[in-house]
Amino acid sequence: MRPNSIVVTLYPIFVPMSVQGPIGIFDSGFGGLTVLNSIRAVLPDYDYLYLGDSARTPYGTRSFESVYEFTWEGVKYLFDQGCSLVILACNTAAAKALRSIQQKELPLYASQKRVLGVLRPTTETIGAYSQSGNLGIVGTPGTVTSKSYLIEIERFFPELRVYQQACPMWVPLVENGEHLSEGALYFVEKDLNRLFERNASIDTLLLACTHYPLLAPIIEKIIGDQVQLVSQGPIVARSLQDYLKRHPEVDDNCSQTGSMEVLTTEDHLKFESLGSQFFGAPFQARHVHL
C-alpha cells in the first residue's frame, strides 16, 4: 500500500421495505360494521382494523369543527397502528372531514397514506338505480346540512332530482338497540312521510348513514315494493376492490392474513353485544383511548 493512500470500504445499501398493515375502518360507532361486513365478503383475505368512536357518538348533530377533530384523531390512531389505508365508514365524517384531511393533513403528516370515504363511491353510482329520476336520501342532520351528496350527485348525474331528509332520531335509536321498537317505527314513518310528501314519485331511497341498514325491516314495511332501498356497504366494497386493483402501490401496503380486530372508545362488552347485530356475527372488541 502506498503511503498516504486512503482505503475506502464499500458497504451494501439496504433500502427498508414498506411495512404492511391492516386496512383501517373508522366510524362514529357501530354503523361502519355493516360496511366492514360487506368489504370482508368481497375482500376476505385482507386484514382489517376497525375503530368505533362510540364514546362520542353521534357525530350527526355535532359541529363541523368537532367532527373534523374527532375524525382526524381516529384516522391518526389507525395510522399509528400500521394502517396505510383508512376508510371513513361514517357519512358525517366523510361529508365534513374527508376532503380537509386529504388536502391539508395527509401532505404534512402522512403523504404516503390514503384516506377514502363512503360518499364518493355512492354518488358515482346512485343514478343508475333510479328509473324515474327521483332519488330520496335519508341521513343525519350533519350529512344533510353539509349538502355533500347534492354537490357530488350533481357532478355525476345532473339530471337526477334529489330530495334529502334529515333523521335526527334514527342513529340514537339504533345505537341504543331500539331499532325494531314501536318508537323506531314512529320516528321512521314520520321522517319518510315528510320526504315522500315532497315528491311521491321517488323510486329509490338511499340510506346515507351506515347505521340505517338495521332499520331496513321497518323502512321496507313503510315504503313498500315500489321503492328500491339502497345500502352503501356493497357499493363501497366493490369500489374498494376496484381501487386496490388500480393502485397496486396502495395494495402492496395492505397485509393479507384474513385477520380482523375491533376497537372501541367505549365499553367493549357493550360494543360486542350491540355491534354483533350490525356485523351479523359475534366478535371480540378492545377498549382504547384516543
C-alpha atoms as a PDB file:
ATOM      1  CA  MET A   1       0.000   0.000   0.000  1.00  0.00           C
ATOM      2  CA  ARG A   2       1.391   3.402  -0.945  1.00  0.00           C
ATOM      3  CA  PRO A   3       1.985   5.937   1.843  1.00  0.00           C
ATOM      4  CA  ASN A   4      -0.867   8.336   2.499  1.00  0.00           C
ATOM      5  CA  SER A   5      -3.278   6.208   0.437  1.00  0.00           C
ATOM      6  CA  ILE A   6      -6.900   6.109   1.617  1.00  0.00           C
ATOM      7  CA  VAL A   7      -8.708   2.825   1.904  1.00  0.00           C
ATOM      8  CA  VAL A   8     -12.427   3.084   1.265  1.00  0.00           C
ATOM      9  CA  THR A   9     -14.628   0.191   2.315  1.00  0.00           C
ATOM     10  CA  LEU A  10     -17.908  -0.066   0.458  1.00  0.00           C
ATOM     11  CA  TYR A  11     -20.907  -1.434   2.342  1.00  0.00           C
ATOM     12  CA  PRO A  12     -24.131  -2.553   0.694  1.00  0.00           C
ATOM     13  CA  ILE A  13     -27.013  -0.111   0.980  1.00  0.00           C
ATOM     14  CA  PHE A  14     -30.177  -1.586   2.444  1.00  0.00           C
ATOM     15  CA  VAL A  15     -33.427   0.047   1.407  1.00  0.00           C
ATOM     16  CA  PRO A  16     -36.112  -0.691   4.010  1.00  0.00           C
ATOM     17  CA  MET A  17     -39.193  -2.374   2.612  1.00  0.00           C
ATOM     18  CA  SER A  18     -42.564  -0.801   3.227  1.00  0.00           C
ATOM     19  CA  VAL A  19     -44.274  -2.219   6.280  1.00  0.00           C
ATOM     20  CA  GLN A  20     -47.587  -3.868   5.566  1.00  0.00           C
ATOM     21  CA  GLY A  21     -50.576  -3.297   7.819  1.00  0.00           C
ATOM     22  CA  PRO A  22     -54.339  -3.774   8.012  1.00  0.00           C
ATOM     23  CA  ILE A  23     -56.957  -1.688   6.228  1.00  0.00           C
ATOM     24  CA  GLY A  24     -58.411   0.725   8.766  1.00  0.00           C
ATOM     25  CA  ILE A  25     -62.157   1.281   9.034  1.00  0.00           C
ATOM     26  CA  PHE A  26     -63.292   4.305  11.084  1.00  0.00           C
ATOM     27  CA  ASP A  27     -66.821   5.077  12.224  1.00  0.00           C
ATOM     28  CA  SER A  28     -68.507   7.168  14.886  1.00  0.00           C
ATOM     29  CA  GLY A  29     -69.876   3.999  16.428  1.00  0.00           C
ATOM     30  CA  PHE A  30     -71.426   0.744  15.270  1.00  0.00           C
ATOM     31  CA  GLY A  31     -72.668   1.636  11.787  1.00  0.00           C
ATOM     32  CA  GLY A  32     -69.395   1.070   9.974  1.00  0.00           C
ATOM     33  CA  LEU A  33     -69.573  -2.596  10.925  1.00  0.00           C
ATOM     34  CA  THR A  34     -72.165  -3.003   8.170  1.00  0.00           C
ATOM     35  CA  VAL A  35     -69.583  -1.645   5.723  1.00  0.00           C
ATOM     36  CA  LEU A  36     -66.832  -3.837   7.174  1.00  0.00           C
ATOM     37  CA  ASN A  37     -69.043  -6.894   6.754  1.00  0.00           C
ATOM     38  CA  SER A  38     -69.654  -6.070   3.078  1.00  0.00           C
ATOM     39  CA  ILE A  39     -65.964  -5.361   2.435  1.00  0.00           C
ATOM     40  CA  ARG A  40     -64.856  -8.642   4.011  1.00  0.00           C
ATOM     41  CA  ALA A  41     -67.361 -10.514   1.852  1.00  0.00           C
ATOM     42  CA  VAL A  42     -65.660  -9.123  -1.273  1.00  0.00           C
ATOM     43  CA  LEU A  43     -62.063  -8.976   0.029  1.00  0.00           C
ATOM     44  CA  PRO A  44     -61.811 -11.758   2.641  1.00  0.00           C
ATOM     45  CA  ASP A  45     -58.032 -12.220   2.513  1.00  0.00           C
ATOM     46  CA  TYR A  46     -57.115  -8.740   3.755  1.00  0.00           C
ATOM     47  CA  ASP A  47     -56.535  -7.725   7.370  1.00  0.00           C
ATOM     48  CA  TYR A  48     -58.860  -5.146   8.958  1.00  0.00           C
ATOM     49  CA  LEU A  49     -58.667  -2.872  11.996  1.00  0.00           C
ATOM     50  CA  TYR A  50     -61.995  -1.298  12.919  1.00  0.00           C
ATOM     51  CA  LEU A  51     -62.281   1.707  15.240  1.00  0.00           C
ATOM     52  CA  GLY A  52     -65.681   2.822  16.511  1.00  0.00           C
ATOM     53  CA  ASP A  53     -65.726   6.115  18.430  1.00  0.00           C
ATOM     54  CA  SER A  54     -68.821   5.156  20.414  1.00  0.00           C
ATOM     55  CA  ALA A  55     -67.849   7.297  23.410  1.00  0.00           C
ATOM     56  CA  ARG A  56     -68.537  10.421  21.333  1.00  0.00           C
ATOM     57  CA  THR A  57     -71.339   9.249  19.083  1.00  0.00           C
ATOM     58  CA  PRO A  58     -73.490  10.516  17.437  1.00  0.00           C
ATOM     59  CA  TYR A  59     -71.485  12.730  15.094  1.00  0.00           C
ATOM     60  CA  GLY A  60     -74.537  13.774  13.078  1.00  0.00           C
ATOM     61  CA  THR A  61     -75.597  16.583  15.413  1.00  0.00           C
ATOM     62  CA  ARG A  62     -72.097  17.932  16.110  1.00  0.00           C
ATOM     63  CA  SER A  63     -70.392  20.955  14.558  1.00  0.00           C
ATOM     64  CA  PHE A  64     -68.048  20.734  11.570  1.00  0.00           C
ATOM     65  CA  GLU A  65     -65.140  21.556  13.858  1.00  0.00           C
ATOM     66  CA  SER A  66     -65.902  18.760  16.324  1.00  0.00           C
ATOM     67  CA  VAL A  67     -66.477  16.149  13.613  1.00  0.00           C
ATOM     68  CA  TYR A  68     -63.219  17.143  11.917  1.00  0.00           C
ATOM     69  CA  GLU A  69     -61.266  16.967  15.181  1.00  0.00           C
ATOM     70  CA  PHE A  70     -62.708  13.604  16.206  1.00  0.00           C
ATOM     71  CA  THR A  71     -62.293  12.088  12.740  1.00  0.00           C
ATOM     72  CA  TRP A  72     -58.685  13.181  12.370  1.00  0.00           C
ATOM     73  CA  GLU A  73     -57.886  11.789  15.820  1.00  0.00           C
ATOM     74  CA  GLY A  74     -59.357   8.450  14.782  1.00  0.00           C
ATOM     75  CA  VAL A  75     -57.500   8.396  11.470  1.00  0.00           C
ATOM     76  CA  LYS A  76     -54.179   9.237  13.127  1.00  0.00           C
ATOM     77  CA  TYR A  77     -54.715   6.476  15.656  1.00  0.00           C
ATOM     78  CA  LEU A  78     -55.249   3.937  12.870  1.00  0.00           C
ATOM     79  CA  PHE A  79     -52.166   5.248  11.060  1.00  0.00           C
ATOM     80  CA  ASP A  80     -50.159   4.746  14.251  1.00  0.00           C
ATOM     81  CA  GLN A  81     -51.384   1.142  14.407  1.00  0.00           C
ATOM     82  CA  GLY A  82     -49.852   0.449  10.995  1.00  0.00           C
ATOM     83  CA  CYS A  83     -52.748   1.202   8.625  1.00  0.00           C
ATOM     84  CA  SER A  84     -51.704   2.750   5.313  1.00  0.00           C
ATOM     85  CA  LEU A  85     -55.276   2.963   4.054  1.00  0.00           C
ATOM     86  CA  VAL A  86     -58.248   4.132   6.132  1.00  0.00           C
ATOM     87  CA  ILE A  87     -61.897   4.061   5.070  1.00  0.00           C
ATOM     88  CA  LEU A  88     -64.241   6.582   6.677  1.00  0.00           C
ATOM     89  CA  ALA A  89     -67.360   4.440   7.065  1.00  0.00           C
ATOM     90  CA  CYS A  90     -69.225   7.319   8.698  1.00  0.00           C
ATOM     91  CA  ASN A  91     -71.154   9.529   6.281  1.00  0.00           C
ATOM     92  CA  THR A  92     -70.984  12.550   8.579  1.00  0.00           C
ATOM     93  CA  ALA A  93     -67.221  12.188   8.904  1.00  0.00           C
ATOM     94  CA  ALA A  94     -66.847  11.727   5.154  1.00  0.00           C
ATOM     95  CA  ALA A  95     -69.041  14.749   4.432  1.00  0.00           C
ATOM     96  CA  LYS A  96     -67.479  17.097   6.970  1.00  0.00           C
ATOM     97  CA  ALA A  97     -63.863  15.977   7.310  1.00  0.00           C
ATOM     98  CA  LEU A  98     -62.600  13.815   4.438  1.00  0.00           C
ATOM     99  CA  ARG A  99     -61.650  16.495   1.929  1.00  0.00           C
ATOM    100  CA  SER A 100     -59.802  18.614   4.502  1.00  0.00           C
ATOM    101  CA  ILE A 101     -57.910  15.576   5.764  1.00  0.00           C
ATOM    102  CA  GLN A 102     -56.904  14.626   2.224  1.00  0.00           C
ATOM    103  CA  GLN A 103     -55.844  18.137   1.238  1.00  0.00           C
ATOM    104  CA  LYS A 104     -54.413  19.564   4.479  1.00  0.00           C
ATOM    105  CA  GLU A 105     -53.340  16.796   6.828  1.00  0.00           C
ATOM    106  CA  LEU A 106     -52.024  13.978   4.648  1.00  0.00           C
ATOM    107  CA  PRO A 107     -49.412  16.038   2.741  1.00  0.00           C
ATOM    108  CA  LEU A 108     -47.900  17.108   6.073  1.00  0.00           C
ATOM    109  CA  TYR A 109     -48.494  14.104   8.299  1.00  0.00           C
ATOM    110  CA  ALA A 110     -48.505  11.031   6.057  1.00  0.00           C
ATOM    111  CA  SER A 111     -48.080  11.717   2.360  1.00  0.00           C
ATOM    112  CA  GLN A 112     -47.825   8.008   1.505  1.00  0.00           C
ATOM    113  CA  LYS A 113     -51.043   7.060   3.300  1.00  0.00           C
ATOM    114  CA  ARG A 114     -54.585   7.270   1.957  1.00  0.00           C
ATOM    115  CA  VAL A 115     -57.998   8.078   3.418  1.00  0.00           C
ATOM    116  CA  LEU A 116     -61.162   7.255   1.467  1.00  0.00           C
ATOM    117  CA  GLY A 117     -64.849   7.677   2.269  1.00  0.00           C
ATOM    118  CA  VAL A 118     -68.252   6.177   1.565  1.00  0.00           C
ATOM    119  CA  LEU A 119     -69.691   9.262  -0.104  1.00  0.00           C
ATOM    120  CA  ARG A 120     -67.807   9.298  -3.411  1.00  0.00           C
ATOM    121  CA  PRO A 121     -68.399   5.634  -4.379  1.00  0.00           C
ATOM    122  CA  THR A 122     -72.092   6.080  -3.619  1.00  0.00           C
ATOM    123  CA  THR A 123     -72.576   9.260  -5.622  1.00  0.00           C
ATOM    124  CA  GLU A 124     -70.711   7.812  -8.612  1.00  0.00           C
ATOM    125  CA  THR A 125     -73.238   5.002  -8.988  1.00  0.00           C
ATOM    126  CA  ILE A 126     -76.524   6.003  -7.347  1.00  0.00           C
ATOM    127  CA  GLY A 127     -78.041   7.471 -10.506  1.00  0.00           C
ATOM    128  CA  ALA A 128     -78.147   4.035 -12.130  1.00  0.00           C
ATOM    129  CA  TYR A 129     -80.641   2.785  -9.549  1.00  0.00           C
ATOM    130  CA  SER A 130     -83.485   5.191 -10.294  1.00  0.00           C
ATOM    131  CA  GLN A 131     -85.887   4.726 -13.216  1.00  0.00           C
ATOM    132  CA  SER A 132     -87.994   7.827 -12.582  1.00  0.00           C
ATOM    133  CA  GLY A 133     -85.043  10.147 -11.964  1.00  0.00           C
ATOM    134  CA  ASN A 134     -86.316  10.939  -8.459  1.00  0.00           C
ATOM    135  CA  LEU A 135     -83.980   9.992  -5.612  1.00  0.00           C
ATOM    136  CA  GLY A 136     -84.655  10.240  -1.901  1.00  0.00           C
ATOM    137  CA  ILE A 137     -81.824  10.446   0.627  1.00  0.00           C
ATOM    138  CA  VAL A 138     -82.132   9.934   4.378  1.00  0.00           C
ATOM    139  CA  GLY A 139     -79.194  10.875   6.575  1.00  0.00           C
ATOM    140  CA  THR A 140     -78.072  12.536   9.776  1.00  0.00           C
ATOM    141  CA  PRO A 141     -78.568  16.310  10.178  1.00  0.00           C
ATOM    142  CA  GLY A 142     -74.825  16.749   9.722  1.00  0.00           C
ATOM    143  CA  THR A 143     -74.739  14.894   6.424  1.00  0.00           C
ATOM    144  CA  VAL A 144     -77.830  16.645   5.074  1.00  0.00           C
ATOM    145  CA  THR A 145     -76.704  20.118   6.183  1.00  0.00           C
ATOM    146  CA  SER A 146     -73.313  19.677   4.517  1.00  0.00           C
ATOM    147  CA  LYS A 147     -75.066  19.246   1.129  1.00  0.00           C
ATOM    148  CA  SER A 148     -72.191  16.975   0.138  1.00  0.00           C
ATOM    149  CA  TYR A 149     -74.485  14.458  -1.529  1.00  0.00           C
ATOM    150  CA  LEU A 150     -76.266  17.149  -3.509  1.00  0.00           C
ATOM    151  CA  ILE A 151     -72.961  18.577  -4.737  1.00  0.00           C
ATOM    152  CA  GLU A 152     -71.406  15.237  -5.679  1.00  0.00           C
ATOM    153  CA  ILE A 153     -74.516  13.778  -7.326  1.00  0.00           C
ATOM    154  CA  GLU A 154     -74.866  16.939  -9.408  1.00  0.00           C
ATOM    155  CA  ARG A 155     -71.404  16.234 -10.830  1.00  0.00           C
ATOM    156  CA  PHE A 156     -72.212  12.702 -11.936  1.00  0.00           C
ATOM    157  CA  PHE A 157     -75.974  12.806 -12.551  1.00  0.00           C
ATOM    158  CA  PRO A 158     -77.055  16.427 -13.168  1.00  0.00           C
ATOM    159  CA  GLU A 159     -80.463  15.290 -14.430  1.00  0.00           C
ATOM    160  CA  LEU A 160     -81.309  13.471 -11.191  1.00  0.00           C
ATOM    161  CA  ARG A 161     -83.851  15.142  -8.877  1.00  0.00           C
ATOM    162  CA  VAL A 162     -82.640  14.643  -5.318  1.00  0.00           C
ATOM    163  CA  TYR A 163     -84.645  15.094  -2.126  1.00  0.00           C
ATOM    164  CA  GLN A 164     -82.960  14.922   1.285  1.00  0.00           C
ATOM    165  CA  GLN A 165     -84.474  14.269   4.710  1.00  0.00           C
ATOM    166  CA  ALA A 166     -82.611  14.674   7.982  1.00  0.00           C
ATOM    167  CA  CYS A 167     -83.453  11.969  10.526  1.00  0.00           C
ATOM    168  CA  PRO A 168     -82.007  13.050  13.884  1.00  0.00           C
ATOM    169  CA  MET A 169     -83.535  10.211  15.916  1.00  0.00           C
ATOM    170  CA  TRP A 170     -82.506   7.261  13.776  1.00  0.00           C
ATOM    171  CA  VAL A 171     -78.898   6.864  14.952  1.00  0.00           C
ATOM    172  CA  PRO A 172     -79.716   7.160  18.684  1.00  0.00           C
ATOM    173  CA  LEU A 173     -82.434   4.544  18.256  1.00  0.00           C
ATOM    174  CA  VAL A 174     -80.018   2.161  16.560  1.00  0.00           C
ATOM    175  CA  GLU A 175     -77.138   2.850  18.963  1.00  0.00           C
ATOM    176  CA  ASN A 176     -79.408   2.044  21.903  1.00  0.00           C
ATOM    177  CA  GLY A 177     -80.772  -1.168  20.411  1.00  0.00           C
ATOM    178  CA  GLU A 178     -84.252   0.257  19.824  1.00  0.00           C
ATOM    179  CA  HIS A 179     -84.216  -0.026  16.034  1.00  0.00           C
ATOM    180  CA  LEU A 180     -87.113  -2.513  15.873  1.00  0.00           C
ATOM    181  CA  SER A 181     -89.243  -0.913  18.591  1.00  0.00           C
ATOM    182  CA  GLU A 182     -92.554   0.935  18.310  1.00  0.00           C
ATOM    183  CA  GLY A 183     -90.655   4.154  18.953  1.00  0.00           C
ATOM    184  CA  ALA A 184     -88.436   3.483  15.951  1.00  0.00           C
ATOM    185  CA  LEU A 185     -91.482   2.816  13.781  1.00  0.00           C
ATOM    186  CA  TYR A 186     -92.983   6.152  14.844  1.00  0.00           C
ATOM    187  CA  PHE A 187     -89.916   8.271  14.009  1.00  0.00           C
ATOM    188  CA  VAL A 188     -89.028   6.418  10.800  1.00  0.00           C
ATOM    189  CA  GLU A 189     -92.555   6.724   9.452  1.00  0.00           C
ATOM    190  CA  LYS A 190     -92.716  10.400  10.425  1.00  0.00           C
ATOM    191  CA  ASP A 191     -89.490  11.259   8.567  1.00  0.00           C
ATOM    192  CA  LEU A 192     -90.313   9.169   5.498  1.00  0.00           C
ATOM    193  CA  ASN A 193     -93.738  10.775   5.228  1.00  0.00           C
ATOM    194  CA  ARG A 194     -92.068  14.181   5.179  1.00  0.00           C
ATOM    195  CA  LEU A 195     -89.746  13.030   2.406  1.00  0.00           C
ATOM    196  CA  PHE A 196     -92.395  11.487   0.148  1.00  0.00           C
ATOM    197  CA  GLU A 197     -94.768  14.421   0.655  1.00  0.00           C
ATOM    198  CA  ARG A 198     -92.261  16.466  -1.348  1.00  0.00           C
ATOM    199  CA  ASN A 199     -92.332  14.027  -4.269  1.00  0.00           C
ATOM    200  CA  ALA A 200     -94.450  10.888  -4.382  1.00  0.00           C
ATOM    201  CA  SER A 201     -92.546   9.701  -7.490  1.00  0.00           C
ATOM    202  CA  ILE A 202     -89.356   8.912  -5.596  1.00  0.00           C
ATOM    203  CA  ASP A 203     -88.491   5.351  -6.623  1.00  0.00           C
ATOM    204  CA  THR A 204     -85.085   4.973  -4.955  1.00  0.00           C
ATOM    205  CA  LEU A 205     -84.216   5.598  -1.328  1.00  0.00           C
ATOM    206  CA  LEU A 206     -80.546   5.883  -0.345  1.00  0.00           C
ATOM    207  CA  LEU A 207     -79.583   5.123   3.234  1.00  0.00           C
ATOM    208  CA  ALA A 208     -76.858   7.754   3.620  1.00  0.00           C
ATOM    209  CA  CYS A 209     -75.857   6.520   7.049  1.00  0.00           C
ATOM    210  CA  THR A 210     -74.233   3.183   7.795  1.00  0.00           C
ATOM    211  CA  HIS A 211     -76.433   2.754  10.879  1.00  0.00           C
ATOM    212  CA  TYR A 212     -79.619   2.739   8.843  1.00  0.00           C
ATOM    213  CA  PRO A 213     -79.466  -0.802   7.370  1.00  0.00           C
ATOM    214  CA  LEU A 214     -80.598  -2.072  10.771  1.00  0.00           C
ATOM    215  CA  LEU A 215     -83.787  -0.073  10.263  1.00  0.00           C
ATOM    216  CA  ALA A 216     -84.370  -1.684   6.853  1.00  0.00           C
ATOM    217  CA  PRO A 217     -87.201  -4.009   8.006  1.00  0.00           C
ATOM    218  CA  ILE A 218     -89.194  -1.020   9.250  1.00  0.00           C
ATOM    219  CA  ILE A 219     -88.306   1.153   6.247  1.00  0.00           C
ATOM    220  CA  GLU A 220     -89.325  -1.542   3.752  1.00  0.00           C
ATOM    221  CA  LYS A 221     -92.615  -2.026   5.570  1.00  0.00           C
ATOM    222  CA  ILE A 222     -93.369   1.678   5.136  1.00  0.00           C
ATOM    223  CA  ILE A 223     -92.185   2.292   1.564  1.00  0.00           C
ATOM    224  CA  GLY A 224     -93.393  -0.999   0.071  1.00  0.00           C
ATOM    225  CA  ASP A 225     -92.121  -2.752  -3.048  1.00  0.00           C
ATOM    226  CA  GLN A 226     -92.358   0.242  -5.357  1.00  0.00           C
ATOM    227  CA  VAL A 227     -89.316   1.977  -3.890  1.00  0.00           C
ATOM    228  CA  GLN A 228     -85.836   0.469  -4.126  1.00  0.00           C
ATOM    229  CA  LEU A 229     -83.819   0.647  -0.921  1.00  0.00           C
ATOM    230  CA  VAL A 230     -80.066   1.143  -1.377  1.00  0.00           C
ATOM    231  CA  SER A 231     -77.464   0.498   1.335  1.00  0.00           C
ATOM    232  CA  GLN A 232     -73.879   1.643   0.952  1.00  0.00           C
ATOM    233  CA  GLY A 233     -71.959  -1.413   2.139  1.00  0.00           C
ATOM    234  CA  PRO A 234     -71.958  -3.383  -1.136  1.00  0.00           C
ATOM    235  CA  ILE A 235     -71.256  -0.220  -3.151  1.00  0.00           C
ATOM    236  CA  VAL A 236     -68.241   0.696  -1.010  1.00  0.00           C
ATOM    237  CA  ALA A 237     -66.925  -2.875  -1.079  1.00  0.00           C
ATOM    238  CA  ARG A 238     -66.945  -3.049  -4.880  1.00  0.00           C
ATOM    239  CA  SER A 239     -65.379   0.405  -5.107  1.00  0.00           C
ATOM    240  CA  LEU A 240     -62.564  -0.556  -2.725  1.00  0.00           C
ATOM    241  CA  GLN A 241     -61.873  -3.721  -4.687  1.00  0.00           C
ATOM    242  CA  ASP A 242     -61.547  -1.672  -7.869  1.00  0.00           C
ATOM    243  CA  TYR A 243     -59.408   0.971  -6.122  1.00  0.00           C
ATOM    244  CA  LEU A 244     -56.860  -1.584  -4.929  1.00  0.00           C
ATOM    245  CA  LYS A 245     -56.612  -3.043  -8.437  1.00  0.00           C
ATOM    246  CA  ARG A 246     -55.963   0.417  -9.881  1.00  0.00           C
ATOM    247  CA  HIS A 247     -53.470   1.376  -7.150  1.00  0.00           C
ATOM    248  CA  PRO A 248     -51.040  -1.523  -6.623  1.00  0.00           C
ATOM    249  CA  GLU A 249     -48.760   0.765  -4.611  1.00  0.00           C
ATOM    250  CA  VAL A 250     -51.514   1.030  -2.001  1.00  0.00           C
ATOM    251  CA  ASP A 251     -52.471  -2.631  -2.260  1.00  0.00           C
ATOM    252  CA  ASP A 252     -48.873  -3.677  -1.611  1.00  0.00           C
ATOM    253  CA  ASN A 253     -49.002  -1.983   1.796  1.00  0.00           C
ATOM    254  CA  CYS A 254     -52.126  -3.889   2.877  1.00  0.00           C
ATOM    255  CA  SER A 255     -51.405  -7.150   4.680  1.00  0.00           C
ATOM    256  CA  GLN A 256     -53.381 -10.250   3.806  1.00  0.00           C
ATOM    257  CA  THR A 257     -53.742 -12.890   6.501  1.00  0.00           C
ATOM    258  CA  GLY A 258     -57.534 -12.717   6.864  1.00  0.00           C
ATOM    259  CA  SER A 259     -57.442 -11.191  10.358  1.00  0.00           C
ATOM    260  CA  MET A 260     -59.844  -8.677  11.927  1.00  0.00           C
ATOM    261  CA  GLU A 261     -59.611  -6.610  15.114  1.00  0.00           C
ATOM    262  CA  VAL A 262     -62.296  -4.325  16.525  1.00  0.00           C
ATOM    263  CA  LEU A 263     -61.559  -1.331  18.753  1.00  0.00           C
ATOM    264  CA  THR A 264     -63.969   0.948  20.579  1.00  0.00           C
ATOM    265  CA  THR A 265     -63.632   4.097  22.666  1.00  0.00           C
ATOM    266  CA  GLU A 266     -66.477   2.937  24.924  1.00  0.00           C
ATOM    267  CA  ASP A 267     -67.156  -0.204  26.969  1.00  0.00           C
ATOM    268  CA  HIS A 268     -66.009  -3.175  24.921  1.00  0.00           C
ATOM    269  CA  LEU A 269     -68.659  -5.550  26.271  1.00  0.00           C
ATOM    270  CA  LYS A 270     -71.463  -3.194  25.237  1.00  0.00           C
ATOM    271  CA  PHE A 271     -69.842  -2.761  21.853  1.00  0.00           C
ATOM    272  CA  GLU A 272     -69.618  -6.523  21.351  1.00  0.00           C
ATOM    273  CA  SER A 273     -73.240  -7.049  22.344  1.00  0.00           C
ATOM    274  CA  LEU A 274     -74.856  -4.443  20.106  1.00  0.00           C
ATOM    275  CA  GLY A 275     -72.189  -4.453  17.416  1.00  0.00           C
ATOM    276  CA  SER A 276     -72.794  -8.108  16.598  1.00  0.00           C
ATOM    277  CA  GLN A 277     -76.211  -7.104  15.243  1.00  0.00           C
ATOM    278  CA  PHE A 278     -74.518  -4.737  12.772  1.00  0.00           C
ATOM    279  CA  PHE A 279     -71.775  -7.149  11.820  1.00  0.00           C
ATOM    280  CA  GLY A 280     -74.019 -10.181  11.600  1.00  0.00           C
ATOM    281  CA  ALA A 281     -71.825 -12.373  13.806  1.00  0.00           C
ATOM    282  CA  PRO A 282     -70.219 -12.314  17.265  1.00  0.00           C
ATOM    283  CA  PHE A 283     -66.784 -10.719  17.659  1.00  0.00           C
ATOM    284  CA  GLN A 284     -64.452  -9.518  20.389  1.00  0.00           C
ATOM    285  CA  ALA A 285     -63.665  -5.826  20.884  1.00  0.00           C
ATOM    286  CA  ARG A 286     -60.941  -3.962  22.764  1.00  0.00           C
ATOM    287  CA  HIS A 287     -61.274  -0.594  24.507  1.00  0.00           C
ATOM    288  CA  VAL A 288     -58.844   2.163  23.518  1.00  0.00           C
ATOM    289  CA  HIS A 289     -58.335   5.862  24.298  1.00  0.00           C
ATOM    290  CA  LEU A 290     -57.878   8.411  21.520  1.00  0.00           C
END
